[in-house]
Amino acid sequence: MACTEYGPAERSAVPVLLLHGLAGHAAEWDVLAGLLGPAYRPVGYDARGHGLSDRLPEDVSRAAHVRDAVAVIEQLTLTRPVLIGQSLGGLTALLTAAAHPDLVRALVLVEAGPRGPAPELPGKIGTWLDSWPVPFPSADAAARFFGGGPAGLAWAAGLEVCPDGLRPRVDRDVMVGCVAEVAVRSFWREWDQVRCPTLVVRGDAGAMPASEAEEMRVRRPAGTRVEAVAGAGHDVHLDAPRELRALIEEFLPRL
């Protein structure tokens, strides 16, 4: 697994583990990690099947992703880190906190929650990946395909330079497999097991329904805060990193 640690760690710094979403990569967090400042020790990693980590892992279950998060926490000695996860990475963060409550200080779930099942999701993911016009002739062309702006640039940066152009670092069938459990079940039981403070952040133009975030708050009213970022889509960390940083830094000192 490929990990990135952002700068030297101060002994008093709060560890932060950053978990990217499906088909993404750890460098999506570069801007937010730089904004967090010396009070925090951000660490990111490429999830199995993503980025510079193993492309074709045998196991892409939610449990395997949780084991990876725990391994990074333990091997890098991240003492009770804050887990910040976006989309499917946020689900991994949620499940890690539910299964290992003593390991996690707090959760920041960005466009991520326990809603399900979503039987249409594997098909949607497969169709989306099949629509990529690979190889991309240039990074500019890739960024335009992914919608332009900071999010488009970040997605383009996750591609691999090949002799014939830019190609994905992910395998289509592995990505479809990563969402197989989300297709057939919800994770509300695991959400009810979470004990740490949680900040849920939606993009007001994102994919997470306001009703899902509200139900999360209602189920855990004392430990859950819900916020929406104006103008942000599903990739809130890319569309509005400064606004997300402000929410995180306002939330964490309360712990």
Protein backbone atom coordinates (compact mmCIF):
# COMPACT_ATOMS: atom_id res chain seq x y z
CA MET A 1 0.00 0.00 0.00
CA ALA A 2 1.26 3.45 -0.91
CA CYS A 3 1.08 6.03 1.91
CA THR A 4 1.76 9.77 1.99
CA GLU A 5 2.66 11.70 5.14
CA TYR A 6 2.36 15.46 4.83
CA GLY A 7 5.42 16.99 6.46
CA PRO A 8 7.16 16.22 9.76
CA ALA A 9 4.90 15.33 12.65
CA GLU A 10 4.93 17.46 15.77
CA ARG A 11 4.62 15.34 18.88
CA SER A 12 1.53 17.25 19.95
CA ALA A 13 -0.11 17.13 16.51
CA VAL A 14 -3.45 15.34 16.15
CA PRO A 15 -3.13 12.41 13.71
CA VAL A 16 -5.49 12.56 10.75
CA LEU A 17 -6.04 9.64 8.37
CA LEU A 18 -7.41 10.62 4.95
CA LEU A 19 -9.43 8.06 2.96
CA HIS A 20 -10.29 8.81 -0.68
CA GLY A 21 -13.31 7.60 -2.62
CA LEU A 22 -13.86 5.00 -5.33
CA ALA A 23 -11.45 5.17 -8.28
CA GLY A 24 -9.59 8.03 -6.56
CA HIS A 25 -6.14 8.41 -5.04
CA ALA A 26 -4.50 9.83 -1.95
CA ALA A 27 -3.19 12.97 -3.68
CA GLU A 28 -6.78 14.25 -3.85
CA TRP A 29 -6.16 15.34 -0.26
CA ASP A 30 -3.03 17.40 -0.97
CA VAL A 31 -4.72 20.80 -0.77
CA LEU A 32 -6.77 20.05 2.34
CA ALA A 33 -3.78 18.47 4.09
CA GLY A 34 -1.74 21.59 3.39
CA LEU A 35 -4.50 23.79 4.77
CA LEU A 36 -4.84 21.93 8.05
CA GLY A 37 -1.63 23.33 9.47
CA PRO A 38 0.89 22.12 12.05
CA ALA A 39 -1.69 21.25 14.71
CA TYR A 40 -2.54 18.15 12.67
CA ARG A 41 -0.54 15.23 11.26
CA PRO A 42 -2.28 14.24 8.01
CA VAL A 43 -1.55 10.86 6.44
CA GLY A 44 -3.18 9.57 3.28
CA TYR A 45 -2.97 6.28 1.45
CA ASP A 46 -4.07 4.73 -1.83
CA ALA A 47 -6.75 2.16 -1.05
CA ARG A 48 -6.25 -1.38 -2.29
CA GLY A 49 -6.86 -1.49 -6.03
CA HIS A 50 -6.19 2.24 -6.36
CA GLY A 51 -3.33 4.58 -7.20
CA LEU A 52 0.10 3.12 -6.46
CA SER A 53 -1.24 0.34 -4.24
CA ASP A 54 -1.83 -3.19 -5.55
CA ARG A 55 -4.07 -2.92 -8.59
CA LEU A 56 -5.62 -6.41 -8.45
CA PRO A 57 -6.16 -7.38 -4.81
CA GLU A 58 -7.92 -10.68 -4.20
CA ASP A 59 -10.26 -9.21 -1.56
CA VAL A 60 -12.09 -5.89 -2.04
CA SER A 61 -14.68 -6.37 0.70
CA ARG A 62 -15.54 -3.63 3.17
CA ALA A 63 -13.85 -5.75 5.85
CA ALA A 64 -10.61 -5.79 3.84
CA HIS A 65 -10.68 -2.01 3.52
CA VAL A 66 -11.22 -1.72 7.28
CA ARG A 67 -8.24 -4.01 7.91
CA ASP A 68 -6.12 -1.74 5.71
CA ALA A 69 -7.12 1.37 7.65
CA VAL A 70 -6.28 -0.35 10.93
CA ALA A 71 -2.94 -1.52 9.54
CA VAL A 72 -1.98 2.02 8.52
CA ILE A 73 -3.03 3.37 11.93
CA GLU A 74 -0.96 0.77 13.74
CA GLN A 75 2.11 0.70 11.52
CA LEU A 76 2.44 4.49 11.41
CA THR A 77 1.62 4.82 15.13
CA LEU A 78 -1.32 7.14 14.58
CA THR A 79 -2.60 7.35 18.14
CA ARG A 80 -6.40 7.69 18.06
CA PRO A 81 -6.54 9.53 14.73
CA VAL A 82 -9.35 11.55 13.24
CA LEU A 83 -10.60 9.67 10.17
CA ILE A 84 -11.61 11.91 7.27
CA GLY A 85 -13.19 9.98 4.43
CA GLN A 86 -14.98 10.94 1.24
CA SER A 87 -17.65 8.80 -0.43
CA LEU A 88 -16.61 5.11 -0.28
CA GLY A 89 -13.58 6.13 1.80
CA GLY A 90 -16.01 7.69 4.24
CA LEU A 91 -17.86 4.39 4.51
CA THR A 92 -14.54 2.69 5.28
CA ALA A 93 -13.94 5.30 7.99
CA LEU A 94 -17.40 4.74 9.46
CA LEU A 95 -16.97 0.96 9.53
CA THR A 96 -13.51 1.28 11.08
CA ALA A 97 -14.88 3.45 13.88
CA ALA A 98 -17.75 1.01 14.46
CA ALA A 99 -15.51 -2.05 14.62
CA HIS A 100 -12.60 -0.44 16.50
CA PRO A 101 -14.03 2.30 18.74
CA ASP A 102 -10.86 2.57 20.84
CA LEU A 103 -8.75 3.38 17.77
CA VAL A 104 -10.66 6.41 16.48
CA ARG A 105 -10.88 9.90 18.00
CA ALA A 106 -13.47 11.35 15.62
CA LEU A 107 -14.99 10.99 12.17
CA VAL A 108 -15.41 13.49 9.34
CA LEU A 109 -17.64 11.88 6.71
CA VAL A 110 -17.67 13.79 3.43
CA GLU A 111 -20.60 12.82 1.19
CA ALA A 112 -20.63 9.46 2.96
CA GLY A 113 -23.15 7.60 5.06
CA PRO A 114 -24.76 4.24 5.75
CA ARG A 115 -27.65 4.40 3.27
CA GLY A 116 -28.37 1.33 1.14
CA PRO A 117 -28.98 -1.05 -0.48
CA ALA A 118 -28.27 0.38 -3.92
CA PRO A 119 -28.72 -2.45 -6.45
CA GLU A 120 -28.18 -0.12 -9.38
CA LEU A 121 -24.75 1.05 -8.20
CA PRO A 122 -22.45 -1.64 -9.70
CA GLY A 123 -24.03 -1.12 -13.10
CA LYS A 124 -23.68 2.65 -12.83
CA ILE A 125 -20.03 2.37 -11.83
CA GLY A 126 -19.29 -0.04 -14.67
CA THR A 127 -21.02 2.17 -17.23
CA TRP A 128 -19.23 5.25 -15.93
CA LEU A 129 -15.80 3.61 -16.16
CA ASP A 130 -16.61 2.23 -19.62
CA SER A 131 -17.38 5.79 -20.75
CA TRP A 132 -13.83 6.99 -20.11
CA PRO A 133 -12.26 7.68 -23.54
CA VAL A 134 -8.97 5.93 -22.80
CA PRO A 135 -6.25 6.54 -23.54
CA PHE A 136 -6.62 10.23 -22.84
CA PRO A 137 -4.32 12.18 -25.19
CA SER A 138 -3.31 14.69 -22.50
CA ALA A 139 -3.86 15.74 -18.92
CA ASP A 140 -5.85 18.75 -20.17
CA ALA A 141 -8.19 16.50 -22.13
CA ALA A 142 -8.66 14.26 -19.12
CA ALA A 143 -9.36 17.20 -16.82
CA ARG A 144 -12.00 18.49 -19.25
CA PHE A 145 -13.63 15.06 -19.41
CA PHE A 146 -13.84 14.95 -15.61
CA GLY A 147 -15.60 18.29 -15.47
CA GLY A 148 -12.70 20.75 -15.26
CA GLY A 149 -11.79 22.86 -12.26
CA PRO A 150 -9.93 21.50 -9.23
CA ALA A 151 -11.89 18.23 -9.26
CA GLY A 152 -11.13 17.60 -12.93
CA LEU A 153 -7.44 18.31 -12.38
CA ALA A 154 -7.31 15.95 -9.40
CA TRP A 155 -8.97 13.13 -11.32
CA ALA A 156 -6.58 13.67 -14.23
CA ALA A 157 -3.63 13.58 -11.84
CA GLY A 158 -4.66 10.08 -10.81
CA LEU A 159 -4.07 8.68 -14.29
CA GLU A 160 -0.96 6.78 -15.34
CA VAL A 161 1.31 8.07 -18.12
CA CYS A 162 1.64 5.35 -20.78
CA PRO A 163 3.30 5.35 -24.22
CA ASP A 164 -0.07 5.88 -25.94
CA GLY A 165 -1.47 8.45 -23.51
CA LEU A 166 -3.00 8.52 -20.02
CA ARG A 167 -4.77 5.46 -18.66
CA PRO A 168 -6.58 4.65 -15.38
CA ARG A 169 -4.62 3.21 -12.49
CA VAL A 170 -7.71 1.21 -11.54
CA ASP A 171 -9.25 -1.96 -12.95
CA ARG A 172 -12.90 -1.75 -13.96
CA ASP A 173 -13.96 -5.04 -12.40
CA VAL A 174 -12.11 -4.31 -9.16
CA MET A 175 -13.95 -1.00 -8.85
CA VAL A 176 -17.30 -2.70 -9.44
CA GLY A 177 -16.36 -5.28 -6.82
CA CYS A 178 -15.58 -2.53 -4.31
CA VAL A 179 -19.26 -1.48 -4.29
CA ALA A 180 -20.73 -4.98 -4.30
CA GLU A 181 -21.73 -4.87 -0.62
CA VAL A 182 -23.26 -1.41 -0.92
CA ALA A 183 -25.51 -2.83 -3.64
CA VAL A 184 -27.11 -5.39 -1.35
CA ARG A 185 -27.22 -3.89 2.15
CA SER A 186 -27.22 -0.76 4.25
CA PHE A 187 -24.85 0.02 7.12
CA TRP A 188 -27.23 1.61 9.60
CA ARG A 189 -26.48 -1.05 12.20
CA GLU A 190 -22.80 -0.11 12.04
CA TRP A 191 -23.66 3.58 12.25
CA ASP A 192 -25.55 2.90 15.47
CA GLN A 193 -22.37 1.31 16.85
CA VAL A 194 -20.19 4.38 16.26
CA ARG A 195 -19.27 6.06 19.54
CA CYS A 196 -16.97 8.91 18.53
CA PRO A 197 -18.00 12.47 17.60
CA THR A 198 -18.87 12.74 13.92
CA LEU A 199 -19.05 15.61 11.44
CA VAL A 200 -21.13 14.81 8.36
CA VAL A 201 -20.46 17.15 5.42
CA ARG A 202 -22.59 17.25 2.29
CA GLY A 203 -22.14 19.20 -0.89
CA ASP A 204 -25.42 20.96 -1.59
CA ALA A 205 -24.98 19.85 -5.22
CA GLY A 206 -23.60 16.46 -4.23
CA ALA A 207 -24.92 12.91 -4.22
CA MET A 208 -25.70 12.46 -0.51
CA PRO A 209 -29.38 13.12 0.26
CA ALA A 210 -30.11 15.61 3.02
CA SER A 211 -32.50 13.02 4.44
CA GLU A 212 -29.66 10.53 4.96
CA ALA A 213 -27.54 13.04 6.83
CA GLU A 214 -30.54 14.07 8.93
CA GLU A 215 -31.32 10.47 9.86
CA MET A 216 -27.71 10.03 10.94
CA ARG A 217 -28.11 13.05 13.21
CA VAL A 218 -31.45 11.86 14.60
CA ARG A 219 -30.05 8.42 15.43
CA ARG A 220 -27.05 9.91 17.25
CA PRO A 221 -28.15 13.43 18.23
CA ALA A 222 -25.50 13.97 20.92
CA GLY A 223 -22.55 12.93 18.79
CA THR A 224 -23.36 14.04 15.25
CA ARG A 225 -23.10 17.39 13.51
CA VAL A 226 -24.35 17.88 9.94
CA GLU A 227 -23.21 20.63 7.56
CA ALA A 228 -23.77 21.41 3.87
CA VAL A 229 -21.24 23.28 1.74
CA ALA A 230 -22.82 25.68 -0.75
CA GLY A 231 -21.81 25.19 -4.36
CA ALA A 232 -19.94 21.93 -3.73
CA GLY A 233 -20.63 18.66 -5.50
CA HIS A 234 -19.75 15.12 -4.48
CA ASP A 235 -16.03 15.99 -4.31
CA VAL A 236 -16.38 18.57 -1.55
CA HIS A 237 -12.71 18.19 -0.62
CA LEU A 238 -11.77 19.27 -4.14
CA ASP A 239 -14.54 21.77 -4.87
CA ALA A 240 -14.31 23.66 -1.57
CA PRO A 241 -11.22 22.66 0.44
CA ARG A 242 -11.06 25.92 2.41
CA GLU A 243 -14.69 25.70 3.44
CA LEU A 244 -14.16 22.05 4.44
CA ARG A 245 -11.02 22.97 6.38
CA ALA A 246 -12.96 25.65 8.27
CA LEU A 247 -15.67 23.16 9.23
CA ILE A 248 -13.11 20.60 10.37
CA GLU A 249 -11.06 23.05 12.41
CA GLU A 250 -14.20 24.43 14.04
CA PHE A 251 -15.41 20.91 14.87
CA LEU A 252 -12.24 19.26 16.15
CA PRO A 253 -11.30 21.65 19.00
CA ARG A 254 -14.62 20.79 20.63
CA LEU A 255 -13.49 17.20 21.18
